[in-house]
Amino acid sequence: MSKDPVCGMDVQEEGAPSFEYQGTTYYFCCDACKKSFSESPEKYVNQEGHSGHEHHHHGHDHHHH
């Protein structure tokens, strides 16, 4: 189980969209989160906790079934 660095959801790695950045593979709940991350990974990486972190909602809810 990984945590989506964009929305913070727990993600099952198998079959999930993924993106490698600086030698680490990140997993995402959906392609929209992966796209947000791939466009500006530094925004989501190297942060201690989530202080000052803005959540950018990308038009879908995170209630996957």
N, C-alpha and C. Protein backbone atom coordinates (compact mmCIF):
# COMPACT_ATOMS: atom_id res chain seq x y z
N MET A 1 0.86 -1.20 0.00
CA MET A 1 0.00 0.00 0.00
C MET A 1 0.89 1.24 0.00
N SER A 2 0.61 2.16 -0.88
CA SER A 2 1.34 3.43 -0.95
C SER A 2 0.37 4.57 -0.72
N LYS A 3 0.93 5.75 -0.49
CA LYS A 3 0.07 6.91 -0.33
C LYS A 3 0.23 7.80 -1.56
N ASP A 4 -0.89 8.18 -2.15
CA ASP A 4 -0.88 9.10 -3.29
C ASP A 4 -0.32 10.43 -2.80
N PRO A 5 0.82 10.88 -3.36
CA PRO A 5 1.43 12.13 -2.88
C PRO A 5 0.61 13.37 -3.22
N VAL A 6 -0.33 13.24 -4.15
CA VAL A 6 -1.13 14.39 -4.56
C VAL A 6 -2.34 14.57 -3.64
N CYS A 7 -3.14 13.50 -3.48
CA CYS A 7 -4.37 13.65 -2.70
C CYS A 7 -4.30 13.00 -1.33
N GLY A 8 -3.24 12.18 -1.09
CA GLY A 8 -3.08 11.58 0.23
C GLY A 8 -3.83 10.28 0.44
N MET A 9 -4.49 9.80 -0.60
CA MET A 9 -5.22 8.53 -0.49
C MET A 9 -4.28 7.34 -0.43
N ASP A 10 -4.70 6.28 0.24
CA ASP A 10 -3.95 5.03 0.20
C ASP A 10 -4.22 4.37 -1.15
N VAL A 11 -3.16 3.90 -1.80
CA VAL A 11 -3.29 3.33 -3.14
C VAL A 11 -2.69 1.93 -3.17
N GLN A 12 -3.41 1.01 -3.77
CA GLN A 12 -2.91 -0.34 -4.00
C GLN A 12 -2.00 -0.24 -5.22
N GLU A 13 -0.71 -0.57 -5.05
CA GLU A 13 0.24 -0.37 -6.15
C GLU A 13 -0.12 -1.13 -7.43
N GLU A 14 -0.63 -2.34 -7.27
CA GLU A 14 -0.89 -3.19 -8.43
C GLU A 14 -1.92 -2.56 -9.36
N GLY A 15 -1.50 -2.26 -10.57
CA GLY A 15 -2.39 -1.70 -11.56
C GLY A 15 -2.61 -0.19 -11.43
N ALA A 16 -1.99 0.43 -10.43
CA ALA A 16 -2.20 1.87 -10.23
C ALA A 16 -1.27 2.66 -11.14
N PRO A 17 -1.70 3.86 -11.55
CA PRO A 17 -0.79 4.72 -12.31
C PRO A 17 0.42 5.02 -11.45
N SER A 18 1.62 5.00 -12.04
CA SER A 18 2.82 5.28 -11.27
C SER A 18 3.75 6.21 -12.04
N PHE A 19 4.65 6.83 -11.30
CA PHE A 19 5.58 7.78 -11.91
C PHE A 19 6.86 7.73 -11.10
N GLU A 20 8.01 7.61 -11.79
CA GLU A 20 9.27 7.56 -11.07
C GLU A 20 9.91 8.93 -11.05
N TYR A 21 10.35 9.34 -9.88
CA TYR A 21 10.98 10.65 -9.71
C TYR A 21 12.13 10.52 -8.74
N GLN A 22 13.32 10.93 -9.18
CA GLN A 22 14.54 10.85 -8.37
C GLN A 22 14.74 9.47 -7.76
N GLY A 23 14.49 8.43 -8.57
CA GLY A 23 14.75 7.07 -8.12
C GLY A 23 13.67 6.45 -7.25
N THR A 24 12.60 7.19 -6.99
CA THR A 24 11.49 6.67 -6.18
C THR A 24 10.25 6.56 -7.05
N THR A 25 9.54 5.44 -6.95
CA THR A 25 8.31 5.28 -7.70
C THR A 25 7.13 5.70 -6.82
N TYR A 26 6.32 6.59 -7.35
CA TYR A 26 5.13 7.07 -6.65
C TYR A 26 3.91 6.48 -7.34
N TYR A 27 2.90 6.15 -6.53
CA TYR A 27 1.68 5.55 -7.07
C TYR A 27 0.51 6.50 -6.84
N PHE A 28 -0.46 6.44 -7.74
CA PHE A 28 -1.57 7.40 -7.72
C PHE A 28 -2.90 6.69 -7.83
N CYS A 29 -3.95 7.33 -7.28
CA CYS A 29 -5.28 6.72 -7.31
C CYS A 29 -5.88 6.83 -8.70
N CYS A 30 -5.40 7.80 -9.50
CA CYS A 30 -5.99 8.01 -10.82
C CYS A 30 -4.99 8.77 -11.70
N ASP A 31 -5.25 8.80 -12.98
CA ASP A 31 -4.35 9.48 -13.91
C ASP A 31 -4.29 10.99 -13.69
N ALA A 32 -5.38 11.57 -13.18
CA ALA A 32 -5.37 13.02 -12.94
C ALA A 32 -4.35 13.38 -11.86
N CYS A 33 -4.26 12.55 -10.80
CA CYS A 33 -3.26 12.79 -9.76
C CYS A 33 -1.86 12.58 -10.33
N LYS A 34 -1.68 11.56 -11.13
CA LYS A 34 -0.38 11.30 -11.74
C LYS A 34 0.03 12.48 -12.62
N LYS A 35 -0.90 13.03 -13.37
CA LYS A 35 -0.61 14.16 -14.25
C LYS A 35 -0.20 15.38 -13.43
N SER A 36 -0.93 15.65 -12.35
CA SER A 36 -0.57 16.78 -11.48
C SER A 36 0.85 16.61 -10.95
N PHE A 37 1.17 15.39 -10.52
CA PHE A 37 2.50 15.12 -9.97
C PHE A 37 3.58 15.26 -11.03
N SER A 38 3.33 14.68 -12.20
CA SER A 38 4.37 14.69 -13.25
C SER A 38 4.65 16.09 -13.76
N GLU A 39 3.66 16.98 -13.67
CA GLU A 39 3.87 18.36 -14.12
C GLU A 39 4.71 19.18 -13.14
N SER A 40 4.61 18.87 -11.85
CA SER A 40 5.43 19.59 -10.87
C SER A 40 5.69 18.74 -9.64
N PRO A 41 6.53 17.70 -9.81
CA PRO A 41 6.78 16.76 -8.70
C PRO A 41 7.38 17.43 -7.47
N GLU A 42 8.18 18.46 -7.67
CA GLU A 42 8.83 19.12 -6.52
C GLU A 42 7.80 19.73 -5.57
N LYS A 43 6.60 19.96 -6.07
CA LYS A 43 5.53 20.52 -5.23
C LYS A 43 5.04 19.49 -4.20
N TYR A 44 5.19 18.19 -4.55
CA TYR A 44 4.64 17.13 -3.70
C TYR A 44 5.70 16.33 -2.96
N VAL A 45 6.96 16.51 -3.34
CA VAL A 45 8.04 15.73 -2.75
C VAL A 45 8.85 16.64 -1.81
N ASN A 46 9.62 16.01 -0.92
CA ASN A 46 10.49 16.75 -0.01
C ASN A 46 9.74 17.69 0.91
N GLN A 47 8.56 17.32 1.34
CA GLN A 47 7.88 18.15 2.32
C GLN A 47 7.73 17.39 3.61
N GLU A 48 8.00 18.07 4.70
CA GLU A 48 7.80 17.47 6.01
C GLU A 48 6.36 17.71 6.40
N GLY A 49 5.60 16.66 6.54
CA GLY A 49 4.18 16.81 6.86
C GLY A 49 3.48 17.50 5.71
N HIS A 50 2.39 18.17 6.00
CA HIS A 50 1.65 18.86 4.95
C HIS A 50 1.44 20.31 5.28
N SER A 51 2.31 20.89 6.09
CA SER A 51 2.12 22.29 6.46
C SER A 51 2.33 23.17 5.24
N GLY A 52 1.40 24.06 5.00
CA GLY A 52 1.50 24.97 3.86
C GLY A 52 1.20 24.31 2.53
N HIS A 53 0.78 23.04 2.56
CA HIS A 53 0.50 22.32 1.32
C HIS A 53 -0.92 22.60 0.87
N GLU A 54 -1.07 23.05 -0.35
CA GLU A 54 -2.41 23.30 -0.87
C GLU A 54 -2.90 22.07 -1.61
N HIS A 55 -4.15 21.74 -1.37
CA HIS A 55 -4.76 20.65 -2.12
C HIS A 55 -5.43 21.22 -3.36
N HIS A 56 -5.04 20.70 -4.50
CA HIS A 56 -5.66 21.15 -5.74
C HIS A 56 -6.65 20.08 -6.17
N HIS A 57 -7.89 20.40 -6.11
CA HIS A 57 -8.90 19.43 -6.48
C HIS A 57 -9.02 19.41 -8.00
N HIS A 58 -9.07 18.22 -8.52
CA HIS A 58 -9.03 18.11 -9.97
C HIS A 58 -10.29 17.52 -10.56
N GLY A 59 -11.40 17.84 -9.95
CA GLY A 59 -12.67 17.52 -10.60
C GLY A 59 -13.19 16.12 -10.46
N HIS A 60 -12.66 15.33 -9.53
CA HIS A 60 -13.29 14.04 -9.27
C HIS A 60 -13.20 13.80 -7.78
N ASP A 61 -14.16 13.04 -7.26
CA ASP A 61 -14.07 12.73 -5.85
C ASP A 61 -13.24 11.46 -5.68
N HIS A 62 -12.80 11.21 -4.48
CA HIS A 62 -11.91 10.08 -4.24
C HIS A 62 -12.64 8.93 -3.55
N HIS A 63 -13.84 8.66 -4.00
CA HIS A 63 -14.59 7.54 -3.45
C HIS A 63 -14.58 6.42 -4.48
N HIS A 64 -13.41 5.83 -4.69
CA HIS A 64 -13.29 4.75 -5.67
C HIS A 64 -13.89 3.48 -5.10
N HIS A 65 -14.49 2.68 -5.96
CA HIS A 65 -15.11 1.43 -5.49
C HIS A 65 -14.33 0.26 -5.99
